[in-house]
Amino acid sequence: MHDIPTPLVATDVDLQQREQGYNGFFTLEKLTLRHRAFDGRWIGPMTRELFRRGNAVCVLLYDPIADCVVLTEQFRVGALTDSRSPWLLELVAGMVEDGESDLEVAAREMWEEAQCQSLALLPICRYWVSPGGSDEEVQLYCALIDSSGVGGVHGLADEHEDIRLVTLSRQRCLEALQDGVLNNAATVIALQWLALQDDTKRQQWQADARRIMASQQPE
């Protein structure tokens, strides 16, 4: 059995030039660089295009009492050629704006897209989306929620958002995952994480949710 080897680090990259190719909603840069090889020599110089996407936060809305998941459904231009539909079932998600924390983004997007608040917010993981050409990182959370009354169509009109909420049992979500209906990375990762949680963990979440909901009731 072997351990993870010591990695090369950022100082093993020599960034020689950074040029801006496009600057709009997103930014595209052309980088000229060289980097260390595993045998210690330098590779390059070479050019690489970098898509500056910005960081995002995605939130799995899970009701542990009803044992159900609330997903968003909205049009995605990148999925125009999807064999099922360019309207994808996804997690609540949003970009991190300047000065915002991940927790603040999670709360903002839960309200804007689903009109709900979390009873508890559980970190799942942080991952690079497509590090071969993009600098985007995503922070994934699971929000324990009370799904009663959660539904309808939401989103910000000035951002052309038209977001329908879809509530599915946990089991139906896992079936849709298996069938390929749920096919975007954040949703796949979050639901696989949820599938790994055992009955003991879900029972604890149920107890926590009931306790928090009871504490929020007016006396």
Protein backbone atom coordinates (compact mmCIF):
# COMPACT_ATOMS: atom_id res chain seq x y z
CA MET A 1 0.00 0.00 0.00
CA HIS A 2 1.44 3.39 -1.04
CA ASP A 3 0.74 6.90 0.21
CA ILE A 4 -0.02 9.98 -1.93
CA PRO A 5 3.32 11.34 -3.23
CA THR A 6 4.55 14.83 -2.36
CA PRO A 7 3.20 17.12 -5.11
CA LEU A 8 4.89 19.82 -7.09
CA VAL A 9 3.71 23.29 -6.00
CA ALA A 10 2.92 26.70 -7.48
CA THR A 11 6.56 27.78 -7.34
CA ASP A 12 7.30 24.99 -9.82
CA VAL A 13 5.46 27.05 -12.44
CA ASP A 14 7.14 29.95 -14.23
CA LEU A 15 4.39 32.22 -15.59
CA GLN A 16 6.08 34.32 -18.25
CA GLN A 17 3.17 36.23 -19.81
CA ARG A 18 -0.57 36.75 -19.24
CA GLU A 19 -2.65 38.23 -22.08
CA GLN A 20 -6.37 38.99 -22.00
CA GLY A 21 -8.19 37.64 -25.04
CA TYR A 22 -11.79 38.39 -24.05
CA ASN A 23 -13.43 40.23 -21.19
CA GLY A 24 -17.20 39.99 -20.85
CA PHE A 25 -19.42 38.08 -18.43
CA PHE A 26 -16.48 35.68 -18.33
CA THR A 27 -12.80 36.27 -19.13
CA LEU A 28 -10.49 34.34 -21.44
CA GLU A 29 -6.74 34.66 -20.96
CA LYS A 30 -3.73 33.37 -22.90
CA LEU A 31 -0.85 32.32 -20.66
CA THR A 32 2.73 31.62 -21.63
CA LEU A 33 4.47 29.44 -19.05
CA ARG A 34 6.79 26.60 -18.27
CA HIS A 35 6.69 24.13 -15.39
CA ARG A 36 8.79 21.53 -13.66
CA ALA A 37 8.65 17.90 -14.75
CA PHE A 38 8.63 15.09 -12.20
CA ASP A 39 12.30 14.43 -12.98
CA GLY A 40 13.22 18.03 -12.10
CA ARG A 41 13.73 19.49 -15.59
CA TRP A 42 11.67 22.36 -17.04
CA ILE A 43 8.97 21.72 -19.68
CA GLY A 44 8.14 24.55 -22.07
CA PRO A 45 7.61 27.37 -22.62
CA MET A 46 4.08 26.63 -23.78
CA THR A 47 0.82 28.53 -24.25
CA ARG A 48 -2.42 27.68 -22.47
CA GLU A 49 -5.84 29.32 -22.69
CA LEU A 50 -7.51 29.88 -19.33
CA PHE A 51 -11.26 30.41 -18.93
CA ARG A 52 -11.74 32.68 -15.89
CA ARG A 53 -15.12 31.51 -14.66
CA GLY A 54 -15.01 32.57 -11.03
CA ASN A 55 -15.95 30.44 -8.02
CA ALA A 56 -19.40 29.08 -7.28
CA VAL A 57 -21.43 27.59 -4.46
CA CYS A 58 -23.92 24.76 -4.98
CA VAL A 59 -26.41 23.57 -2.38
CA LEU A 60 -28.25 20.25 -2.18
CA LEU A 61 -31.64 20.90 -0.57
CA TYR A 62 -32.51 17.84 1.53
CA ASP A 63 -35.49 17.37 3.85
CA PRO A 64 -34.45 14.62 6.30
CA ILE A 65 -37.93 14.30 7.79
CA ALA A 66 -39.72 13.79 4.44
CA ASP A 67 -36.58 12.09 3.03
CA CYS A 68 -36.81 14.12 -0.16
CA VAL A 69 -34.63 16.37 -2.29
CA VAL A 70 -35.63 19.70 -3.88
CA LEU A 71 -33.93 20.38 -7.22
CA THR A 72 -34.03 23.35 -9.56
CA GLU A 73 -34.92 23.06 -13.24
CA GLN A 74 -33.77 25.75 -15.67
CA PHE A 75 -32.46 26.34 -19.18
CA ARG A 76 -28.70 25.91 -19.68
CA VAL A 77 -27.15 27.17 -22.90
CA GLY A 78 -24.23 24.77 -22.59
CA ALA A 79 -26.65 21.84 -22.72
CA LEU A 80 -28.28 22.78 -26.04
CA THR A 81 -27.28 19.42 -27.50
CA ASP A 82 -28.40 17.36 -24.48
CA SER A 83 -30.30 14.34 -25.76
CA ARG A 84 -33.00 14.72 -23.10
CA SER A 85 -33.42 18.48 -22.67
CA PRO A 86 -31.39 21.69 -22.27
CA TRP A 87 -33.51 22.29 -19.14
CA LEU A 88 -31.42 20.57 -16.48
CA LEU A 89 -32.30 19.38 -12.99
CA GLU A 90 -29.67 20.85 -10.70
CA LEU A 91 -28.76 22.09 -7.25
CA VAL A 92 -29.37 25.61 -6.05
CA ALA A 93 -26.26 27.46 -7.20
CA GLY A 94 -24.68 30.87 -7.61
CA MET A 95 -21.42 32.67 -8.31
CA VAL A 96 -19.35 34.13 -5.49
CA GLU A 97 -19.32 37.92 -5.77
CA ASP A 98 -16.52 40.17 -4.51
CA GLY A 99 -16.53 40.31 -0.72
CA GLU A 100 -18.97 37.43 -0.26
CA SER A 101 -18.30 34.29 1.75
CA ASP A 102 -19.42 30.87 0.55
CA LEU A 103 -21.98 30.74 3.36
CA GLU A 104 -23.43 34.08 2.31
CA VAL A 105 -23.77 32.88 -1.29
CA ALA A 106 -25.49 29.69 -0.13
CA ALA A 107 -28.06 31.65 1.90
CA ARG A 108 -28.63 34.20 -0.89
CA GLU A 109 -29.15 31.62 -3.60
CA MET A 110 -31.41 29.43 -1.47
CA TRP A 111 -33.72 32.40 -1.02
CA GLU A 112 -33.55 33.70 -4.60
CA GLU A 113 -34.03 30.31 -6.28
CA ALA A 114 -36.13 28.39 -3.76
CA GLN A 115 -37.55 30.87 -1.23
CA CYS A 116 -36.27 28.74 1.62
CA GLN A 117 -33.71 28.84 4.41
CA SER A 118 -31.52 26.11 5.82
CA LEU A 119 -32.02 24.51 9.21
CA ALA A 120 -28.37 23.43 9.05
CA LEU A 121 -25.70 23.68 6.36
CA LEU A 122 -23.34 20.72 5.98
CA PRO A 123 -20.14 21.01 3.90
CA ILE A 124 -19.72 18.23 1.33
CA CYS A 125 -16.54 19.06 -0.58
CA ARG A 126 -14.73 21.62 -2.69
CA TYR A 127 -13.58 20.69 -6.18
CA TRP A 128 -12.13 22.01 -9.44
CA VAL A 129 -14.72 21.91 -12.23
CA SER A 130 -12.46 21.58 -15.27
CA PRO A 131 -8.87 22.43 -14.29
CA GLY A 132 -7.50 21.63 -17.73
CA GLY A 133 -8.72 25.02 -18.94
CA SER A 134 -10.82 26.77 -16.27
CA ASP A 135 -10.04 28.24 -12.84
CA GLU A 136 -13.52 27.62 -11.43
CA GLU A 137 -13.85 26.01 -8.01
CA VAL A 138 -17.16 24.89 -6.53
CA GLN A 139 -18.01 24.60 -2.85
CA LEU A 140 -20.72 22.01 -2.28
CA TYR A 141 -23.09 22.05 0.69
CA CYS A 142 -26.07 20.04 1.84
CA ALA A 143 -28.76 22.20 3.41
CA LEU A 144 -31.19 20.46 5.74
CA ILE A 145 -34.56 22.07 5.07
CA ASP A 146 -38.26 21.85 5.79
CA SER A 147 -39.64 21.25 2.29
CA SER A 148 -43.27 21.83 3.21
CA GLY A 149 -44.48 24.80 1.17
CA VAL A 150 -41.35 24.83 -1.01
CA GLY A 151 -42.15 24.82 -4.71
CA GLY A 152 -43.22 26.97 -7.64
CA VAL A 153 -41.17 29.06 -10.05
CA HIS A 154 -38.55 31.55 -8.84
CA GLY A 155 -35.47 33.51 -9.91
CA LEU A 156 -34.51 37.09 -10.64
CA ALA A 157 -36.26 38.65 -13.64
CA ASP A 158 -33.38 41.03 -14.33
CA GLU A 159 -31.07 38.01 -14.68
CA HIS A 160 -33.56 36.27 -17.01
CA GLU A 161 -34.01 33.46 -14.49
CA ASP A 162 -36.99 31.12 -14.78
CA ILE A 163 -36.38 28.41 -12.20
CA ARG A 164 -38.89 25.66 -11.46
CA LEU A 165 -38.54 23.65 -8.25
CA VAL A 166 -38.91 19.88 -8.43
CA THR A 167 -39.29 17.77 -5.27
CA LEU A 168 -38.31 14.10 -5.51
CA SER A 169 -37.89 11.37 -2.94
CA ARG A 170 -34.31 10.50 -2.13
CA GLN A 171 -34.81 7.09 -3.71
CA ARG A 172 -36.23 8.59 -6.93
CA CYS A 173 -33.23 10.95 -7.12
CA LEU A 174 -30.84 8.03 -6.89
CA GLU A 175 -32.78 6.20 -9.62
CA ALA A 176 -32.63 9.30 -11.84
CA LEU A 177 -28.90 9.48 -11.15
CA GLN A 178 -28.50 5.85 -12.19
CA ASP A 179 -30.60 6.43 -15.33
CA GLY A 180 -28.53 9.46 -16.39
CA VAL A 181 -31.42 11.93 -16.04
CA LEU A 182 -29.37 13.84 -13.45
CA ASN A 183 -26.22 14.50 -15.43
CA ASN A 184 -24.39 17.61 -14.22
CA ALA A 185 -21.32 17.37 -12.02
CA ALA A 186 -22.42 19.17 -8.86
CA THR A 187 -25.70 17.28 -8.67
CA VAL A 188 -24.03 13.93 -9.33
CA ILE A 189 -21.36 14.52 -6.67
CA ALA A 190 -23.85 15.75 -4.05
CA LEU A 191 -26.28 12.87 -4.57
CA GLN A 192 -23.48 10.30 -4.48
CA TRP A 193 -22.43 11.85 -1.17
CA LEU A 194 -26.02 11.62 0.08
CA ALA A 195 -26.20 7.97 -0.99
CA LEU A 196 -23.13 7.21 1.15
CA GLN A 197 -24.80 8.48 4.32
CA ASP A 198 -26.22 5.61 6.39
CA ASP A 199 -29.52 5.35 8.25
CA THR A 200 -27.88 6.41 11.51
CA LYS A 201 -26.68 9.65 9.95
CA ARG A 202 -30.09 10.41 8.38
CA GLN A 203 -31.84 9.68 11.68
CA GLN A 204 -29.52 12.16 13.39
CA TRP A 205 -30.37 14.77 10.75
CA GLN A 206 -34.09 14.11 11.33
CA ALA A 207 -33.65 14.65 15.06
CA ASP A 208 -31.61 17.81 14.47
CA ALA A 209 -34.20 19.19 12.05
CA ARG A 210 -37.08 18.53 14.43
CA ARG A 211 -35.19 20.16 17.29
CA ILE A 212 -34.34 23.27 15.26
CA MET A 213 -37.88 23.58 13.89
CA ALA A 214 -39.31 23.28 17.40
CA SER A 215 -36.97 25.99 18.66
CA GLN A 216 -38.19 28.32 15.91
CA GLN A 217 -41.85 27.99 16.88
CA PRO A 218 -43.31 31.02 18.71
CA GLU A 219 -43.99 30.41 22.37
